[in-house]
């Protein structure tokens, strides 16, 4: 076959793995004209030197270049335009990769979120964590019922100023330490952590300091938990270095329907980073 001077559109279709309809479309948009069209039958014929053009068109399409872009490049033999288009596509792909990686990280975080509380069978035993600076988008809980401040947080997240912020879906309370030690849940604020530092200031964004946190886990919405061990640490006079500067309670769901039995990690800031 390769010794023939011209090839029918059907032969080209089979050789190049491209449909007849696509070749006709290339012709209609003046991207690739047949070498010869029989005036009596209208049959299209292509020459062997057009095979590499078809292959180049297919190759450029794999990078996401449009037929219009490819047509402008090939018609003008415009290598600078080709490089410019390829650079743009490369940047688009890199952005897509970053977006996919971010989504992958978020999925892994959510997997870890549900597995985290299973790692420690001694939920009431205190431990220390060194935690980085964090930012919490939060609403006040003072003098409001639980339904009200949860609704206010959702409204705040969806507001014009905050809708572009990205969150990790975990409710976090700022608590009154003294009341917590008395097994009384008295939230001062309710919020969600922002994934990256915000580039604007807001009265609703609270900076959570980096530092050393004394932590323990417990079902603080029930009567099943006991803060006795932590309470003793703070009541002993020799533990003067342990002064609660901030108390967070981060929710870890163990049910997708009921929330009263959720485990919380209490994080008590005892030493700020300099």
Protein backbone atom coordinates (compact mmCIF):
# COMPACT_ATOMS: atom_id res chain seq x y z
CA UNK A 1 0.00 0.00 0.00
CA UNK A 2 2.80 2.41 0.83
CA UNK A 3 3.95 2.54 -2.80
CA UNK A 4 0.70 4.24 -3.82
CA UNK A 5 0.91 7.95 -4.45
CA UNK A 6 -2.50 8.80 -2.98
CA UNK A 7 -4.63 7.16 -0.32
CA UNK A 8 -8.39 7.24 0.04
CA UNK A 9 -9.96 8.72 3.13
CA UNK A 10 -10.91 5.19 4.24
CA UNK A 11 -7.33 3.96 3.90
CA UNK A 12 -6.00 6.94 5.85
CA UNK A 13 -8.61 6.32 8.53
CA UNK A 14 -7.44 2.73 9.03
CA UNK A 15 -3.71 3.55 8.88
CA UNK A 16 -3.84 6.50 11.26
CA UNK A 17 -6.49 5.26 13.68
CA UNK A 18 -8.75 8.24 13.03
CA UNK A 19 -12.36 8.29 11.93
CA UNK A 20 -13.50 9.33 8.50
CA UNK A 21 -15.80 11.88 10.17
CA UNK A 22 -12.82 13.48 11.92
CA UNK A 23 -10.88 13.76 8.65
CA UNK A 24 -13.90 15.40 7.05
CA UNK A 25 -14.09 17.79 9.98
CA UNK A 26 -10.41 18.70 9.56
CA UNK A 27 -11.22 19.51 5.94
CA UNK A 28 -14.28 21.61 6.83
CA UNK A 29 -12.31 23.83 9.24
CA UNK A 30 -9.38 24.11 6.85
CA UNK A 31 -7.03 22.32 9.22
CA UNK A 32 -6.07 19.55 6.79
CA UNK A 33 -7.23 19.65 3.18
CA UNK A 34 -7.06 16.45 1.10
CA UNK A 35 -4.33 16.45 -1.52
CA UNK A 36 -6.92 15.68 -4.19
CA UNK A 37 -10.72 15.58 -4.43
CA UNK A 38 -12.27 13.74 -7.35
CA UNK A 39 -14.54 16.31 -9.04
CA UNK A 40 -16.95 13.63 -10.27
CA UNK A 41 -17.32 11.58 -7.07
CA UNK A 42 -16.20 14.04 -4.37
CA UNK A 43 -13.92 11.33 -2.94
CA UNK A 44 -11.03 12.66 -0.87
CA UNK A 45 -7.46 11.44 -1.31
CA UNK A 46 -4.38 12.13 0.81
CA UNK A 47 -0.69 11.94 0.05
CA UNK A 48 1.92 10.11 2.11
CA UNK A 49 3.52 13.40 3.18
CA UNK A 50 0.28 14.30 4.99
CA UNK A 51 0.53 11.33 7.33
CA UNK A 52 2.95 13.10 9.65
CA UNK A 53 0.62 16.13 9.80
CA UNK A 54 -2.25 13.94 10.94
CA UNK A 55 0.04 12.33 13.51
CA UNK A 56 1.18 15.77 14.76
CA UNK A 57 -2.42 16.98 15.07
CA UNK A 58 -3.35 13.90 17.11
CA UNK A 59 -0.25 14.34 19.28
CA UNK A 60 -0.93 18.00 20.02
CA UNK A 61 -4.52 17.15 20.91
CA UNK A 62 -3.25 14.80 23.63
CA UNK A 63 -1.81 17.89 25.36
CA UNK A 64 -5.21 19.55 25.30
CA UNK A 65 -4.56 22.01 22.46
CA UNK A 66 -7.71 22.96 20.59
CA UNK A 67 -8.08 22.41 16.86
CA UNK A 68 -8.18 26.18 16.42
CA UNK A 69 -4.82 26.54 18.19
CA UNK A 70 -3.33 23.68 16.19
CA UNK A 71 -4.61 25.19 12.94
CA UNK A 72 -3.01 28.58 13.67
CA UNK A 73 0.27 26.92 14.61
CA UNK A 74 0.50 24.66 11.54
CA UNK A 75 -0.72 27.19 9.00
CA UNK A 76 1.89 29.74 10.03
CA UNK A 77 4.61 27.23 10.92
CA UNK A 78 4.62 29.13 14.20
CA UNK A 79 6.95 27.37 16.63
CA UNK A 80 6.96 30.29 19.14
CA UNK A 81 3.15 30.06 19.30
CA UNK A 82 3.43 26.29 19.76
CA UNK A 83 5.85 26.76 22.66
CA UNK A 84 3.58 29.41 24.22
CA UNK A 85 0.56 27.08 24.00
CA UNK A 86 2.56 24.19 25.45
CA UNK A 87 3.77 26.32 28.34
CA UNK A 88 0.18 27.32 29.11
CA UNK A 89 -0.94 23.71 29.02
CA UNK A 90 1.96 22.68 31.22
CA UNK A 91 0.94 25.26 33.83
CA UNK A 92 -2.68 24.10 33.64
CA UNK A 93 -1.58 20.50 34.21
CA UNK A 94 0.63 21.52 37.13
CA UNK A 95 -2.33 23.34 38.71
CA UNK A 96 -4.48 20.26 38.17
CA UNK A 97 -1.82 18.09 39.81
CA UNK A 98 -1.69 20.44 42.81
CA UNK A 99 -5.48 20.37 43.06
CA UNK A 100 -5.58 16.57 42.85
CA UNK A 101 -2.79 16.26 45.42
CA UNK A 102 -4.66 18.62 47.74
CA UNK A 103 -7.81 16.53 47.37
CA UNK A 104 -5.80 13.36 48.02
CA UNK A 105 -4.36 14.93 51.18
CA UNK A 106 -7.85 15.94 52.32
CA UNK A 107 -9.14 12.41 51.79
CA UNK A 108 -6.22 11.01 53.79
CA UNK A 109 -6.85 13.57 56.54
CA UNK A 110 -10.50 12.45 56.76
CA UNK A 111 -9.43 8.80 56.93
CA UNK A 112 -7.02 9.68 59.75
CA UNK A 113 -9.76 11.75 61.42
CA UNK A 114 -11.96 8.68 61.86
CA UNK A 115 -9.05 6.46 62.88
CA UNK A 116 -7.38 8.89 65.31
CA UNK A 117 -9.41 8.21 68.43
CA UNK A 118 -8.93 4.46 68.00
CA UNK A 119 -5.19 4.81 68.54
CA UNK A 120 -5.44 5.36 72.31
CA UNK A 121 -7.43 3.01 74.50
CA UNK A 122 -6.71 5.09 77.63
CA UNK A 123 -8.85 8.05 76.74
CA UNK A 124 -8.52 9.88 80.05
CA UNK A 125 -4.71 9.69 80.31
CA UNK A 126 -3.04 13.06 79.58
CA UNK A 127 -0.30 13.40 76.96
CA UNK A 128 1.57 16.31 75.39
CA UNK A 129 1.58 17.50 71.79
CA UNK A 130 3.69 20.19 70.15
CA UNK A 131 1.30 21.86 67.74
CA UNK A 132 1.86 24.54 65.07
CA UNK A 133 0.09 27.87 64.74
CA UNK A 134 -3.49 27.40 63.53
CA UNK A 135 -6.40 29.59 62.52
CA UNK A 136 -9.99 29.03 63.57
CA UNK A 137 -13.02 30.60 61.91
CA UNK A 138 -15.33 30.87 64.89
CA UNK A 139 -18.54 32.36 66.28
CA UNK A 140 -19.30 33.26 69.87
CA UNK A 141 -21.34 30.75 71.87
CA UNK A 142 -22.04 33.02 74.83
CA UNK A 143 -25.69 33.17 75.87
CA UNK A 144 -26.80 31.09 72.88
CA UNK A 145 -28.15 27.59 72.48
CA UNK A 146 -26.30 24.91 70.50
CA UNK A 147 -28.56 25.06 67.45
CA UNK A 148 -28.14 28.83 67.17
CA UNK A 149 -24.35 28.96 67.22
CA UNK A 150 -24.04 25.99 64.84
CA UNK A 151 -26.31 27.79 62.37
CA UNK A 152 -24.31 30.99 62.79
CA UNK A 153 -21.09 29.14 62.01
CA UNK A 154 -22.56 27.70 58.81
CA UNK A 155 -23.78 31.15 57.77
CA UNK A 156 -20.33 32.58 58.49
CA UNK A 157 -18.59 29.92 56.40
CA UNK A 158 -20.90 30.64 53.46
CA UNK A 159 -20.67 34.42 53.70
CA UNK A 160 -19.16 36.51 50.92
CA UNK A 161 -15.98 37.16 52.90
CA UNK A 162 -15.31 33.55 53.87
CA UNK A 163 -16.71 31.30 51.16
CA UNK A 164 -13.31 30.96 49.46
CA UNK A 165 -11.61 29.73 52.64
CA UNK A 166 -10.84 26.03 52.79
CA UNK A 167 -11.59 24.00 55.89
CA UNK A 168 -11.02 20.63 57.45
CA UNK A 169 -14.44 19.43 58.57
CA UNK A 170 -13.98 19.16 62.32
CA UNK A 171 -15.89 21.19 64.87
CA UNK A 172 -13.72 22.77 67.55
CA UNK A 173 -14.83 24.47 70.75
CA UNK A 174 -12.93 27.01 72.82
CA UNK A 175 -13.89 26.14 76.39
CA UNK A 176 -13.91 27.60 79.87
CA UNK A 177 -11.21 25.59 81.69
CA UNK A 178 -12.59 25.85 85.21
CA UNK A 179 -16.04 24.74 84.15
CA UNK A 180 -14.55 21.93 82.07
CA UNK A 181 -12.79 20.60 85.18
CA UNK A 182 -16.19 20.60 86.87
CA UNK A 183 -17.56 18.47 83.99
CA UNK A 184 -19.59 21.40 82.72
CA UNK A 185 -19.45 22.13 79.01
CA UNK A 186 -19.37 25.91 78.66
CA UNK A 187 -18.26 26.76 75.11
CA UNK A 188 -16.97 30.26 74.53
CA UNK A 189 -16.65 29.85 70.76
CA UNK A 190 -17.32 27.26 68.07
CA UNK A 191 -15.32 27.06 64.89
CA UNK A 192 -13.54 25.10 62.18
CA UNK A 193 -9.85 25.20 61.37
CA UNK A 194 -8.79 26.93 58.17
CA UNK A 195 -6.40 24.82 56.11
CA UNK A 196 -4.02 27.64 55.18
CA UNK A 197 -3.28 30.99 56.87
CA UNK A 198 -5.83 33.61 55.72
CA UNK A 199 -4.61 36.57 53.69
CA UNK A 200 -7.03 38.97 55.38
CA UNK A 201 -8.01 39.96 58.90
CA UNK A 202 -11.40 39.27 60.42
CA UNK A 203 -12.97 39.50 63.83
CA UNK A 204 -14.15 35.93 63.29
CA UNK A 205 -10.70 34.45 62.66
CA UNK A 206 -8.90 33.42 65.85
CA UNK A 207 -5.17 32.72 65.82
CA UNK A 208 -4.44 29.59 67.84
CA UNK A 209 -0.82 29.86 69.07
CA UNK A 210 1.87 27.33 68.35
CA UNK A 211 3.18 25.65 71.47
CA UNK A 212 2.98 22.79 73.91
CA UNK A 213 -0.49 21.42 74.60
CA UNK A 214 -1.51 19.06 77.35
CA UNK A 215 -4.14 16.77 75.85
CA UNK A 216 -6.57 14.05 76.75
CA UNK A 217 -9.55 12.42 75.07
CA UNK A 218 -13.05 12.03 76.38
CA UNK A 219 -16.73 12.02 75.54
CA UNK A 220 -17.31 15.45 77.01
CA UNK A 221 -20.97 15.60 75.94
CA UNK A 222 -21.77 12.65 78.21
CA UNK A 223 -21.32 11.66 81.85
CA UNK A 224 -18.88 8.93 80.83
CA UNK A 225 -15.73 11.04 80.88
CA UNK A 226 -13.63 11.99 83.88
CA UNK A 227 -11.23 14.98 83.97
CA UNK A 228 -9.83 13.93 87.36
CA UNK A 229 -6.29 13.16 86.17
CA UNK A 230 -5.96 16.47 84.36
CA UNK A 231 -7.56 18.35 87.22
CA UNK A 232 -4.98 16.93 89.64
CA UNK A 233 -2.12 18.05 87.39
CA UNK A 234 -3.33 21.63 87.49
CA UNK A 235 -4.22 21.63 91.16
CA UNK A 236 -0.80 20.54 92.37
CA UNK A 237 1.26 23.55 93.44
CA UNK A 238 4.48 22.07 92.05
CA UNK A 239 2.98 22.24 88.59
CA UNK A 240 3.19 26.00 88.35
CA UNK A 241 4.38 25.72 84.73
CA UNK A 242 1.04 24.22 83.76
CA UNK A 243 -1.17 27.26 83.40
CA UNK A 244 -4.08 26.86 80.99
CA UNK A 245 -3.82 29.70 78.47
CA UNK A 246 -6.33 28.28 76.04
CA UNK A 247 -8.54 25.21 75.94
CA UNK A 248 -9.72 23.60 72.71
CA UNK A 249 -12.04 20.63 72.31
CA UNK A 250 -11.79 19.05 68.86
CA UNK A 251 -14.56 16.70 67.83
CA UNK A 252 -13.83 13.24 66.41
CA UNK A 253 -16.97 11.58 65.11
CA UNK A 254 -17.57 7.92 65.84
CA UNK A 255 -21.05 7.94 64.29
CA UNK A 256 -22.50 9.62 61.22
CA UNK A 257 -25.91 9.94 62.84
CA UNK A 258 -25.51 10.54 66.57
CA UNK A 259 -23.16 13.21 67.91
CA UNK A 260 -23.65 13.05 71.67
CA UNK A 261 -21.29 10.06 71.92
CA UNK A 262 -18.49 11.68 69.90
CA UNK A 263 -14.97 11.56 71.26
CA UNK A 264 -13.20 14.91 71.77
CA UNK A 265 -9.52 15.67 72.08
CA UNK A 266 -9.04 18.37 74.68
CA UNK A 267 -5.96 20.49 73.91
CA UNK A 268 -4.82 22.76 76.74
CA UNK A 269 -2.15 25.28 75.82
CA UNK A 270 0.44 25.33 78.60
CA UNK A 271 3.45 26.86 76.83
CA UNK A 272 3.53 29.18 73.85
CA UNK A 273 6.35 29.06 71.36
CA UNK A 274 8.57 32.10 71.48
